[in-house]
Amino acid sequence: MIEGVHDRLPCPAFQTIGWDTMVSNMSTSVLSAIRQLLEHHGKPFKELHHPPTKTSEDSARVRGEPLAIGGKTLLMKVDQDFALFVISAAERIDSAALRRALGVRKLRFATADELHASTGLLSGDVPPFGDPILPFPLHADDSVFENERIAFNAGSLTDSIIMTVADWEGVAHPRRLRFSARDNKGRT
């Protein structure tokens, strides 16, 4: 069990069934929803079950894929609403560039509690899908589209999906923006 989390779960039922069962059910639910969405659209994908990975580098290593194809998905609060942002795992977000691209003043990463309350997931679990998988607008940095494939955690730290970027884009429909630190060096 994760220290300090069990007693802050949003629903008493979660405390009854237990944290490990709840996390397993959420992971299975998100993974199943992604599978169903991709299969419904006839999009081929490779699914991997692997030991838990805590970093993008660990994920790339167990997947046997370059770090750059990893799709790192972050939940951020934009003014008063949350949105998902996908960037190559080899890149970092340039917050100033993202604020400019969105035309907003307030932008911050969701806290661990906000992430869990909004998605039922933990940091590193979040797949690069908005509706119908997660109820948020989805944005993707141009760095994601520089690769033929995208690899991502699919609702858990132990399940990954690898597919073509074109197929992912065709199903996920992200809004394309430029917000990686690499792309925005020297810009004001």
N, C-alpha and C. Protein backbone atom coordinates (compact mmCIF):
# COMPACT_ATOMS: atom_id res chain seq x y z
N MET A 1 0.84 -1.17 0.00
CA MET A 1 0.00 0.00 0.00
C MET A 1 0.88 1.24 0.00
N ILE A 2 0.40 2.31 -0.65
CA ILE A 2 1.15 3.55 -0.72
C ILE A 2 0.89 4.34 0.55
N GLU A 3 1.96 4.73 1.22
CA GLU A 3 1.86 5.46 2.49
C GLU A 3 1.08 6.75 2.32
N GLY A 4 0.13 7.00 3.22
CA GLY A 4 -0.55 8.27 3.28
C GLY A 4 -1.63 8.47 2.24
N VAL A 5 -1.85 7.52 1.34
CA VAL A 5 -2.84 7.72 0.30
C VAL A 5 -4.15 7.05 0.67
N HIS A 6 -4.10 5.89 1.27
CA HIS A 6 -5.30 5.12 1.56
C HIS A 6 -6.33 5.93 2.33
N ASP A 7 -5.89 6.73 3.30
CA ASP A 7 -6.85 7.46 4.11
C ASP A 7 -7.41 8.70 3.41
N ARG A 8 -6.90 9.05 2.22
CA ARG A 8 -7.38 10.23 1.51
C ARG A 8 -8.15 9.85 0.25
N LEU A 9 -8.51 8.61 0.09
CA LEU A 9 -9.22 8.20 -1.11
C LEU A 9 -10.57 8.90 -1.16
N PRO A 10 -11.02 9.32 -2.35
CA PRO A 10 -12.22 10.13 -2.46
C PRO A 10 -13.52 9.40 -2.15
N CYS A 11 -13.54 8.11 -2.20
CA CYS A 11 -14.77 7.36 -2.01
C CYS A 11 -14.59 6.31 -0.93
N PRO A 12 -15.50 6.24 0.07
CA PRO A 12 -15.36 5.24 1.12
C PRO A 12 -15.32 3.81 0.58
N ALA A 13 -15.97 3.57 -0.57
CA ALA A 13 -15.96 2.21 -1.14
C ALA A 13 -14.54 1.79 -1.48
N PHE A 14 -13.70 2.74 -1.88
CA PHE A 14 -12.32 2.41 -2.20
C PHE A 14 -11.60 1.88 -0.96
N GLN A 15 -11.94 2.45 0.20
CA GLN A 15 -11.30 1.99 1.43
C GLN A 15 -11.77 0.58 1.77
N THR A 16 -13.01 0.26 1.42
CA THR A 16 -13.56 -1.06 1.71
C THR A 16 -12.90 -2.13 0.85
N ILE A 17 -12.75 -1.86 -0.46
CA ILE A 17 -12.18 -2.89 -1.34
C ILE A 17 -10.67 -2.92 -1.29
N GLY A 18 -10.05 -1.85 -0.82
CA GLY A 18 -8.60 -1.84 -0.70
C GLY A 18 -7.92 -1.13 -1.85
N TRP A 19 -6.83 -0.47 -1.53
CA TRP A 19 -6.07 0.32 -2.50
C TRP A 19 -5.55 -0.52 -3.66
N ASP A 20 -4.94 -1.66 -3.38
CA ASP A 20 -4.37 -2.48 -4.45
C ASP A 20 -5.44 -2.93 -5.43
N THR A 21 -6.61 -3.34 -4.92
CA THR A 21 -7.71 -3.77 -5.79
C THR A 21 -8.22 -2.60 -6.61
N MET A 22 -8.36 -1.43 -5.96
CA MET A 22 -8.85 -0.26 -6.66
C MET A 22 -7.90 0.13 -7.79
N VAL A 23 -6.61 0.20 -7.52
CA VAL A 23 -5.63 0.56 -8.54
C VAL A 23 -5.66 -0.45 -9.68
N SER A 24 -5.74 -1.72 -9.34
CA SER A 24 -5.81 -2.76 -10.37
C SER A 24 -7.05 -2.59 -11.23
N ASN A 25 -8.19 -2.32 -10.60
CA ASN A 25 -9.44 -2.14 -11.35
C ASN A 25 -9.39 -0.91 -12.24
N MET A 26 -8.82 0.20 -11.74
CA MET A 26 -8.70 1.42 -12.55
C MET A 26 -7.81 1.15 -13.74
N SER A 27 -6.67 0.51 -13.49
CA SER A 27 -5.73 0.24 -14.56
C SER A 27 -6.36 -0.64 -15.62
N THR A 28 -7.05 -1.67 -15.19
CA THR A 28 -7.72 -2.57 -16.11
C THR A 28 -8.79 -1.83 -16.89
N SER A 29 -9.53 -0.97 -16.22
CA SER A 29 -10.60 -0.21 -16.85
C SER A 29 -10.05 0.73 -17.93
N VAL A 30 -9.01 1.48 -17.62
CA VAL A 30 -8.42 2.39 -18.60
C VAL A 30 -7.80 1.60 -19.75
N LEU A 31 -7.04 0.57 -19.43
CA LEU A 31 -6.44 -0.27 -20.46
C LEU A 31 -7.51 -0.88 -21.35
N SER A 32 -8.56 -1.40 -20.75
CA SER A 32 -9.66 -2.00 -21.53
C SER A 32 -10.33 -0.96 -22.43
N ALA A 33 -10.53 0.23 -21.90
CA ALA A 33 -11.16 1.29 -22.69
C ALA A 33 -10.28 1.68 -23.88
N ILE A 34 -8.97 1.75 -23.66
CA ILE A 34 -8.05 2.08 -24.75
C ILE A 34 -8.08 0.97 -25.79
N ARG A 35 -8.00 -0.28 -25.34
CA ARG A 35 -8.07 -1.43 -26.27
C ARG A 35 -9.34 -1.35 -27.12
N GLN A 36 -10.47 -1.15 -26.45
CA GLN A 36 -11.76 -1.10 -27.16
C GLN A 36 -11.80 0.04 -28.17
N LEU A 37 -11.29 1.21 -27.79
CA LEU A 37 -11.28 2.35 -28.69
C LEU A 37 -10.43 2.06 -29.93
N LEU A 38 -9.23 1.53 -29.71
CA LEU A 38 -8.34 1.25 -30.84
C LEU A 38 -8.90 0.15 -31.73
N GLU A 39 -9.45 -0.89 -31.12
CA GLU A 39 -10.03 -1.98 -31.90
C GLU A 39 -11.25 -1.51 -32.68
N HIS A 40 -12.07 -0.67 -32.06
CA HIS A 40 -13.26 -0.11 -32.73
C HIS A 40 -12.87 0.65 -33.99
N HIS A 41 -11.76 1.36 -33.93
CA HIS A 41 -11.29 2.14 -35.08
C HIS A 41 -10.36 1.34 -35.99
N GLY A 42 -10.13 0.07 -35.68
CA GLY A 42 -9.30 -0.79 -36.51
C GLY A 42 -7.84 -0.38 -36.52
N LYS A 43 -7.34 0.15 -35.43
CA LYS A 43 -5.95 0.61 -35.34
C LYS A 43 -5.08 -0.45 -34.68
N PRO A 44 -4.05 -0.91 -35.37
CA PRO A 44 -3.15 -1.92 -34.78
C PRO A 44 -2.29 -1.29 -33.69
N PHE A 45 -1.99 -2.10 -32.69
CA PHE A 45 -1.13 -1.65 -31.59
C PHE A 45 -0.46 -2.86 -30.96
N LYS A 46 0.63 -2.59 -30.30
CA LYS A 46 1.35 -3.62 -29.56
C LYS A 46 1.16 -3.30 -28.07
N GLU A 47 0.77 -4.32 -27.31
CA GLU A 47 0.57 -4.14 -25.88
C GLU A 47 1.64 -4.91 -25.12
N LEU A 48 2.24 -4.26 -24.15
CA LEU A 48 3.27 -4.89 -23.32
C LEU A 48 2.87 -4.83 -21.86
N HIS A 49 3.07 -5.95 -21.18
CA HIS A 49 2.95 -5.96 -19.72
C HIS A 49 4.37 -6.14 -19.20
N HIS A 50 4.77 -5.28 -18.26
CA HIS A 50 6.17 -5.25 -17.83
C HIS A 50 6.25 -4.88 -16.35
N PRO A 51 7.44 -5.01 -15.75
CA PRO A 51 7.61 -4.57 -14.37
C PRO A 51 7.30 -3.07 -14.26
N PRO A 52 6.90 -2.61 -13.08
CA PRO A 52 6.59 -1.19 -12.90
C PRO A 52 7.76 -0.30 -13.30
N THR A 53 7.43 0.80 -13.99
CA THR A 53 8.44 1.77 -14.39
C THR A 53 8.09 3.11 -13.76
N LYS A 54 9.09 3.75 -13.17
CA LYS A 54 8.84 5.02 -12.48
C LYS A 54 9.29 6.22 -13.28
N THR A 55 10.10 6.01 -14.31
CA THR A 55 10.58 7.14 -15.12
C THR A 55 10.38 6.83 -16.60
N SER A 56 10.43 7.87 -17.39
CA SER A 56 10.34 7.69 -18.85
C SER A 56 11.49 6.85 -19.36
N GLU A 57 12.67 7.03 -18.76
CA GLU A 57 13.84 6.25 -19.16
C GLU A 57 13.62 4.76 -18.87
N ASP A 58 13.07 4.45 -17.69
CA ASP A 58 12.76 3.06 -17.35
C ASP A 58 11.77 2.47 -18.34
N SER A 59 10.74 3.25 -18.67
CA SER A 59 9.72 2.77 -19.61
C SER A 59 10.34 2.47 -20.97
N ALA A 60 11.17 3.37 -21.46
CA ALA A 60 11.82 3.15 -22.76
C ALA A 60 12.65 1.88 -22.73
N ARG A 61 13.37 1.68 -21.64
CA ARG A 61 14.24 0.51 -21.53
C ARG A 61 13.43 -0.79 -21.56
N VAL A 62 12.35 -0.88 -20.78
CA VAL A 62 11.58 -2.14 -20.76
C VAL A 62 10.80 -2.34 -22.06
N ARG A 63 10.48 -1.27 -22.74
CA ARG A 63 9.79 -1.39 -24.02
C ARG A 63 10.74 -1.72 -25.16
N GLY A 64 12.03 -1.47 -24.94
CA GLY A 64 13.01 -1.67 -26.01
C GLY A 64 12.87 -0.64 -27.10
N GLU A 65 12.48 0.55 -26.73
CA GLU A 65 12.23 1.63 -27.68
C GLU A 65 13.05 2.86 -27.29
N PRO A 66 13.34 3.75 -28.25
CA PRO A 66 14.04 4.99 -27.91
C PRO A 66 13.18 5.88 -27.00
N LEU A 67 13.84 6.64 -26.15
CA LEU A 67 13.14 7.55 -25.24
C LEU A 67 12.24 8.51 -25.99
N ALA A 68 12.69 9.00 -27.13
CA ALA A 68 11.95 10.03 -27.88
C ALA A 68 10.55 9.60 -28.30
N ILE A 69 10.30 8.30 -28.49
CA ILE A 69 8.95 7.91 -28.92
C ILE A 69 7.98 7.80 -27.75
N GLY A 70 8.49 7.89 -26.53
CA GLY A 70 7.60 7.87 -25.37
C GLY A 70 6.71 9.10 -25.38
N GLY A 71 5.44 8.88 -25.20
CA GLY A 71 4.49 9.99 -25.09
C GLY A 71 4.21 10.25 -23.63
N LYS A 72 4.80 11.30 -23.10
CA LYS A 72 4.62 11.67 -21.69
C LYS A 72 3.38 12.55 -21.60
N THR A 73 2.40 12.12 -20.82
CA THR A 73 1.14 12.84 -20.71
C THR A 73 1.03 13.48 -19.33
N LEU A 74 0.77 14.78 -19.33
CA LEU A 74 0.70 15.55 -18.10
C LEU A 74 -0.65 16.22 -17.98
N LEU A 75 -1.24 16.15 -16.79
CA LEU A 75 -2.48 16.87 -16.51
C LEU A 75 -2.09 18.22 -15.93
N MET A 76 -2.61 19.28 -16.55
CA MET A 76 -2.28 20.63 -16.10
C MET A 76 -3.55 21.43 -15.91
N LYS A 77 -3.49 22.37 -14.98
CA LYS A 77 -4.61 23.28 -14.76
C LYS A 77 -4.35 24.53 -15.58
N VAL A 78 -5.26 24.81 -16.48
CA VAL A 78 -5.18 25.96 -17.38
C VAL A 78 -6.30 26.91 -16.96
N ASP A 79 -5.91 28.04 -16.37
CA ASP A 79 -6.86 28.95 -15.74
C ASP A 79 -7.66 28.13 -14.71
N GLN A 80 -8.95 27.88 -14.95
CA GLN A 80 -9.76 27.15 -13.96
C GLN A 80 -10.05 25.70 -14.35
N ASP A 81 -9.60 25.27 -15.52
CA ASP A 81 -9.93 23.94 -16.02
C ASP A 81 -8.68 23.09 -16.21
N PHE A 82 -8.87 21.78 -16.21
CA PHE A 82 -7.77 20.86 -16.45
C PHE A 82 -7.73 20.48 -17.93
N ALA A 83 -6.52 20.17 -18.40
CA ALA A 83 -6.32 19.69 -19.77
C ALA A 83 -5.11 18.76 -19.77
N LEU A 84 -5.05 17.88 -20.76
CA LEU A 84 -3.94 16.95 -20.93
C LEU A 84 -2.97 17.47 -21.99
N PHE A 85 -1.68 17.27 -21.72
CA PHE A 85 -0.63 17.70 -22.63
C PHE A 85 0.33 16.54 -22.84
N VAL A 86 0.57 16.20 -24.11
CA VAL A 86 1.46 15.10 -24.47
C VAL A 86 2.71 15.69 -25.12
N ILE A 87 3.84 15.20 -24.68
CA ILE A 87 5.12 15.67 -25.20
C ILE A 87 6.04 14.45 -25.30
N SER A 88 7.00 14.50 -26.21
CA SER A 88 7.98 13.42 -26.30
C SER A 88 8.67 13.29 -24.94
N ALA A 89 8.88 12.06 -24.52
CA ALA A 89 9.53 11.82 -23.22
C ALA A 89 10.96 12.36 -23.18
N ALA A 90 11.52 12.66 -24.34
CA ALA A 90 12.88 13.20 -24.40
C ALA A 90 12.89 14.73 -24.24
N GLU A 91 11.73 15.33 -24.12
CA GLU A 91 11.61 16.79 -24.07
C GLU A 91 11.02 17.25 -22.73
N ARG A 92 11.11 18.57 -22.51
CA ARG A 92 10.50 19.21 -21.34
C ARG A 92 9.52 20.28 -21.81
N ILE A 93 8.52 20.55 -21.01
CA ILE A 93 7.55 21.60 -21.34
C ILE A 93 8.15 22.97 -21.04
N ASP A 94 7.95 23.88 -21.97
CA ASP A 94 8.28 25.29 -21.77
C ASP A 94 6.95 25.95 -21.38
N SER A 95 6.78 26.21 -20.08
CA SER A 95 5.51 26.73 -19.57
C SER A 95 5.15 28.07 -20.18
N ALA A 96 6.13 28.95 -20.37
CA ALA A 96 5.84 30.27 -20.96
C ALA A 96 5.33 30.11 -22.40
N ALA A 97 5.96 29.22 -23.16
CA ALA A 97 5.52 28.98 -24.54
C ALA A 97 4.11 28.38 -24.56
N LEU A 98 3.83 27.49 -23.60
CA LEU A 98 2.51 26.88 -23.54
C LEU A 98 1.44 27.92 -23.18
N ARG A 99 1.75 28.79 -22.22
CA ARG A 99 0.81 29.86 -21.87
C ARG A 99 0.53 30.74 -23.10
N ARG A 100 1.58 31.08 -23.84
CA ARG A 100 1.40 31.90 -25.05
C ARG A 100 0.54 31.16 -26.09
N ALA A 101 0.85 29.89 -26.31
CA ALA A 101 0.11 29.10 -27.32
C ALA A 101 -1.37 28.99 -26.98
N LEU A 102 -1.67 28.90 -25.68
CA LEU A 102 -3.05 28.77 -25.24
C LEU A 102 -3.73 30.12 -25.01
N GLY A 103 -2.92 31.18 -24.93
CA GLY A 103 -3.47 32.50 -24.65
C GLY A 103 -4.00 32.65 -23.24
N VAL A 104 -3.29 32.03 -22.28
CA VAL A 104 -3.73 32.08 -20.88
C VAL A 104 -2.61 32.64 -20.00
N ARG A 105 -2.99 33.07 -18.81
CA ARG A 105 -2.01 33.58 -17.86
C ARG A 105 -1.67 32.53 -16.80
N LYS A 106 -2.68 31.76 -16.39
CA LYS A 106 -2.48 30.80 -15.32
C LYS A 106 -2.32 29.39 -15.89
N LEU A 107 -1.23 28.75 -15.47
CA LEU A 107 -0.94 27.40 -15.93
C LEU A 107 -0.07 26.73 -14.88
N ARG A 108 -0.46 25.52 -14.46
CA ARG A 108 0.35 24.78 -13.50
C ARG A 108 0.07 23.30 -13.65
N PHE A 109 1.02 22.49 -13.15
CA PHE A 109 0.83 21.05 -13.13
C PHE A 109 -0.23 20.70 -12.08
N ALA A 110 -1.03 19.70 -12.36
CA ALA A 110 -1.98 19.21 -11.36
C ALA A 110 -1.19 18.59 -10.21
N THR A 111 -1.69 18.72 -9.02
CA THR A 111 -1.07 18.05 -7.88
C THR A 111 -1.39 16.56 -7.97
N ALA A 112 -0.68 15.76 -7.20
CA ALA A 112 -0.96 14.32 -7.17
C ALA A 112 -2.39 14.05 -6.74
N ASP A 113 -2.88 14.81 -5.76
CA ASP A 113 -4.26 14.64 -5.29
C ASP A 113 -5.26 15.03 -6.38
N GLU A 114 -5.00 16.13 -7.09
CA GLU A 114 -5.89 16.55 -8.18
C GLU A 114 -5.90 15.52 -9.30
N LEU A 115 -4.73 15.01 -9.63
CA LEU A 115 -4.62 13.99 -10.67
C LEU A 115 -5.45 12.77 -10.30
N HIS A 116 -5.26 12.30 -9.07
CA HIS A 116 -6.00 11.10 -8.64
C HIS A 116 -7.50 11.36 -8.57
N ALA A 117 -7.89 12.51 -8.03
CA ALA A 117 -9.32 12.82 -7.91
C ALA A 117 -9.98 12.98 -9.28
N SER A 118 -9.24 13.50 -10.26
CA SER A 118 -9.80 13.76 -11.59
C SER A 118 -9.78 12.56 -12.52
N THR A 119 -8.83 11.65 -12.30
CA THR A 119 -8.66 10.55 -13.24
C THR A 119 -8.71 9.17 -12.60
N GLY A 120 -8.47 9.12 -11.28
CA GLY A 120 -8.33 7.83 -10.61
C GLY A 120 -6.96 7.22 -10.86
N LEU A 121 -6.05 7.97 -11.48
CA LEU A 121 -4.73 7.46 -11.84
C LEU A 121 -3.65 8.13 -11.01
N LEU A 122 -2.47 7.56 -11.09
CA LEU A 122 -1.30 8.10 -10.41
C LEU A 122 -0.36 8.70 -11.45
N SER A 123 0.58 9.49 -10.99
CA SER A 123 1.57 10.08 -11.89
C SER A 123 2.29 8.97 -12.66
N GLY A 124 2.41 9.14 -13.96
CA GLY A 124 3.05 8.14 -14.81
C GLY A 124 2.07 7.16 -15.43
N ASP A 125 0.84 7.10 -14.92
CA ASP A 125 -0.18 6.19 -15.44
C ASP A 125 -0.97 6.77 -16.61
N VAL A 126 -0.96 8.08 -16.75
CA VAL A 126 -1.91 8.78 -17.61
C VAL A 126 -1.61 8.53 -19.10
N PRO A 127 -2.57 7.96 -19.82
CA PRO A 127 -2.39 7.73 -21.25
C PRO A 127 -2.69 8.99 -22.06
N PRO A 128 -2.21 9.08 -23.29
CA PRO A 128 -2.41 10.28 -24.10
C PRO A 128 -3.76 10.29 -24.83
N PHE A 129 -4.82 10.23 -24.06
CA PHE A 129 -6.18 10.24 -24.62
C PHE A 129 -7.08 11.12 -23.77
N GLY A 130 -7.78 12.03 -24.43
CA GLY A 130 -8.84 12.78 -23.79
C GLY A 130 -10.12 11.97 -23.91
N ASP A 131 -11.24 12.64 -24.20
CA ASP A 131 -12.51 11.93 -24.39
C ASP A 131 -12.38 10.94 -25.53
N PRO A 132 -12.87 9.73 -25.41
CA PRO A 132 -13.73 9.22 -24.36
C PRO A 132 -13.00 8.49 -23.22
N ILE A 133 -11.67 8.50 -23.22
CA ILE A 133 -10.94 7.78 -22.17
C ILE A 133 -10.86 8.63 -20.90
N LEU A 134 -10.39 9.85 -21.03
CA LEU A 134 -10.30 10.79 -19.91
C LEU A 134 -11.04 12.07 -20.29
N PRO A 135 -11.75 12.68 -19.36
CA PRO A 135 -12.65 13.80 -19.69
C PRO A 135 -11.98 15.17 -19.80
N PHE A 136 -10.93 15.27 -20.58
CA PHE A 136 -10.19 16.52 -20.69
C PHE A 136 -9.82 16.81 -22.14
N PRO A 137 -9.68 18.10 -22.47
CA PRO A 137 -9.12 18.43 -23.79
C PRO A 137 -7.70 17.89 -23.89
N LEU A 138 -7.31 17.48 -25.09
CA LEU A 138 -6.00 16.87 -25.31
C LEU A 138 -5.18 17.73 -26.27
N HIS A 139 -3.95 18.03 -25.86
CA HIS A 139 -3.02 18.82 -26.66
C HIS A 139 -1.74 18.02 -26.82
N ALA A 140 -1.10 18.12 -27.98
CA ALA A 140 0.15 17.40 -28.20
C ALA A 140 1.19 18.34 -28.79
N ASP A 141 2.40 18.24 -28.27
CA ASP A 141 3.52 19.01 -28.77
C ASP A 141 3.97 18.44 -30.11
N ASP A 142 4.52 19.31 -30.94
CA ASP A 142 5.04 18.88 -32.24
C ASP A 142 6.10 17.79 -32.12
N SER A 143 6.79 17.71 -30.97
CA SER A 143 7.84 16.69 -30.79
C SER A 143 7.28 15.28 -30.91
N VAL A 144 6.01 15.08 -30.59
CA VAL A 144 5.39 13.75 -30.69
C VAL A 144 5.32 13.32 -32.15
N PHE A 145 5.11 14.27 -33.05
CA PHE A 145 4.88 13.97 -34.46
C PHE A 145 6.17 13.82 -35.26
N GLU A 146 7.31 13.96 -34.60
CA GLU A 146 8.60 13.77 -35.26
C GLU A 146 8.98 12.29 -35.34
N ASN A 147 8.18 11.44 -34.74
CA ASN A 147 8.45 10.00 -34.69
C ASN A 147 7.37 9.23 -35.43
N GLU A 148 7.71 8.04 -35.91
CA GLU A 148 6.71 7.18 -36.55
C GLU A 148 5.81 6.51 -35.53
N ARG A 149 6.36 6.25 -34.33
CA ARG A 149 5.61 5.53 -33.30
C ARG A 149 5.50 6.36 -32.04
N ILE A 150 4.50 6.01 -31.24
CA ILE A 150 4.35 6.56 -29.90
C ILE A 150 4.16 5.38 -28.96
N ALA A 151 4.83 5.45 -27.81
CA ALA A 151 4.72 4.43 -26.77
C ALA A 151 4.26 5.14 -25.51
N PHE A 152 3.33 4.53 -24.79
CA PHE A 152 2.81 5.21 -23.60
C PHE A 152 2.29 4.21 -22.58
N ASN A 153 2.29 4.64 -21.32
CA ASN A 153 1.67 3.85 -20.26
C ASN A 153 0.17 3.95 -20.45
N ALA A 154 -0.49 2.82 -20.27
CA ALA A 154 -1.91 2.72 -20.57
C ALA A 154 -2.74 2.53 -19.31
N GLY A 155 -2.64 3.49 -18.40
CA GLY A 155 -3.44 3.43 -17.18
C GLY A 155 -2.74 2.80 -16.01
N SER A 156 -1.49 2.38 -16.18
CA SER A 156 -0.72 1.80 -15.08
C SER A 156 0.76 1.92 -15.40
N LEU A 157 1.56 1.67 -14.39
CA LEU A 157 3.01 1.68 -14.59
C LEU A 157 3.52 0.35 -15.13
N THR A 158 2.60 -0.61 -15.34
CA THR A 158 2.99 -1.95 -15.80
C THR A 158 2.43 -2.33 -17.17
N ASP A 159 1.69 -1.43 -17.78
CA ASP A 159 1.10 -1.73 -19.09
C ASP A 159 1.42 -0.61 -20.06
N SER A 160 1.96 -0.97 -21.21
CA SER A 160 2.29 0.01 -22.25
C SER A 160 1.66 -0.38 -23.56
N ILE A 161 1.43 0.63 -24.37
CA ILE A 161 0.96 0.42 -25.74
C ILE A 161 1.91 1.16 -26.67
N ILE A 162 2.21 0.51 -27.79
CA ILE A 162 3.04 1.11 -28.84
C ILE A 162 2.22 1.05 -30.13
N MET A 163 2.15 2.17 -30.83
CA MET A 163 1.39 2.23 -32.07
C MET A 163 1.96 3.35 -32.94
N THR A 164 1.48 3.46 -34.17
CA THR A 164 1.97 4.55 -35.00
C THR A 164 1.38 5.87 -34.52
N VAL A 165 2.15 6.93 -34.70
CA VAL A 165 1.68 8.26 -34.32
C VAL A 165 0.46 8.62 -35.16
N ALA A 166 0.48 8.28 -36.44
CA ALA A 166 -0.64 8.60 -37.32
C ALA A 166 -1.93 7.94 -36.84
N ASP A 167 -1.85 6.67 -36.43
CA ASP A 167 -3.04 5.99 -35.92
C ASP A 167 -3.50 6.59 -34.60
N TRP A 168 -2.54 6.89 -33.71
CA TRP A 168 -2.90 7.53 -32.44
C TRP A 168 -3.60 8.86 -32.69
N GLU A 169 -3.00 9.69 -33.57
CA GLU A 169 -3.59 11.00 -33.85
C GLU A 169 -4.99 10.86 -34.43
N GLY A 170 -5.18 9.85 -35.29
CA GLY A 170 -6.48 9.64 -35.90
C GLY A 170 -7.57 9.25 -34.93
N VAL A 171 -7.19 8.66 -33.81
CA VAL A 171 -8.17 8.26 -32.79
C VAL A 171 -8.26 9.29 -31.67
N ALA A 172 -7.13 9.82 -31.24
CA ALA A 172 -7.09 10.72 -30.08
C ALA A 172 -7.48 12.16 -30.43
N HIS A 173 -7.21 12.59 -31.65
CA HIS A 173 -7.53 13.94 -32.13
C HIS A 173 -6.98 15.05 -31.22
N PRO A 174 -5.67 15.04 -30.96
CA PRO A 174 -5.12 16.11 -30.12
C PRO A 174 -5.03 17.43 -30.89
N ARG A 175 -5.07 18.50 -30.15
CA ARG A 175 -4.78 19.82 -30.73
C ARG A 175 -3.26 19.94 -30.76
N ARG A 176 -2.71 20.19 -31.93
CA ARG A 176 -1.25 20.28 -32.07
C ARG A 176 -0.76 21.68 -31.72
N LEU A 177 0.24 21.72 -30.85
CA LEU A 177 0.85 22.97 -30.42
C LEU A 177 2.36 22.78 -30.36
N ARG A 178 3.07 23.87 -30.17
CA ARG A 178 4.52 23.81 -30.00
C ARG A 178 4.82 24.35 -28.61
N PHE A 179 5.23 23.43 -27.70
CA PHE A 179 5.48 23.87 -26.33
C PHE A 179 6.65 23.18 -25.66
N SER A 180 7.47 22.49 -26.43
CA SER A 180 8.65 21.87 -25.82
C SER A 180 9.73 22.92 -25.61
N ALA A 181 10.53 22.74 -24.56
CA ALA A 181 11.61 23.69 -24.25
C ALA A 181 12.59 23.75 -25.41
N ARG A 182 12.86 22.62 -26.06
CA ARG A 182 13.80 22.59 -27.18
C ARG A 182 13.30 23.46 -28.33
N ASP A 183 12.03 23.38 -28.64
CA ASP A 183 11.48 24.12 -29.75
C ASP A 183 11.41 25.62 -29.50
N ASN A 184 11.45 26.01 -28.24
CA ASN A 184 11.22 27.41 -27.92
C ASN A 184 12.44 28.11 -27.34
N LYS A 185 13.62 27.51 -27.45
CA LYS A 185 14.84 28.16 -26.96
C LYS A 185 15.06 29.45 -27.72
N GLY A 186 15.36 30.48 -26.96
CA GLY A 186 15.69 31.76 -27.57
C GLY A 186 14.49 32.57 -27.99
N ARG A 187 13.29 32.03 -27.85
CA ARG A 187 12.10 32.79 -28.20
C ARG A 187 11.62 33.57 -27.00
N THR A 188 10.95 34.66 -27.24
CA THR A 188 10.43 35.46 -26.11
C THR A 188 8.94 35.55 -26.19
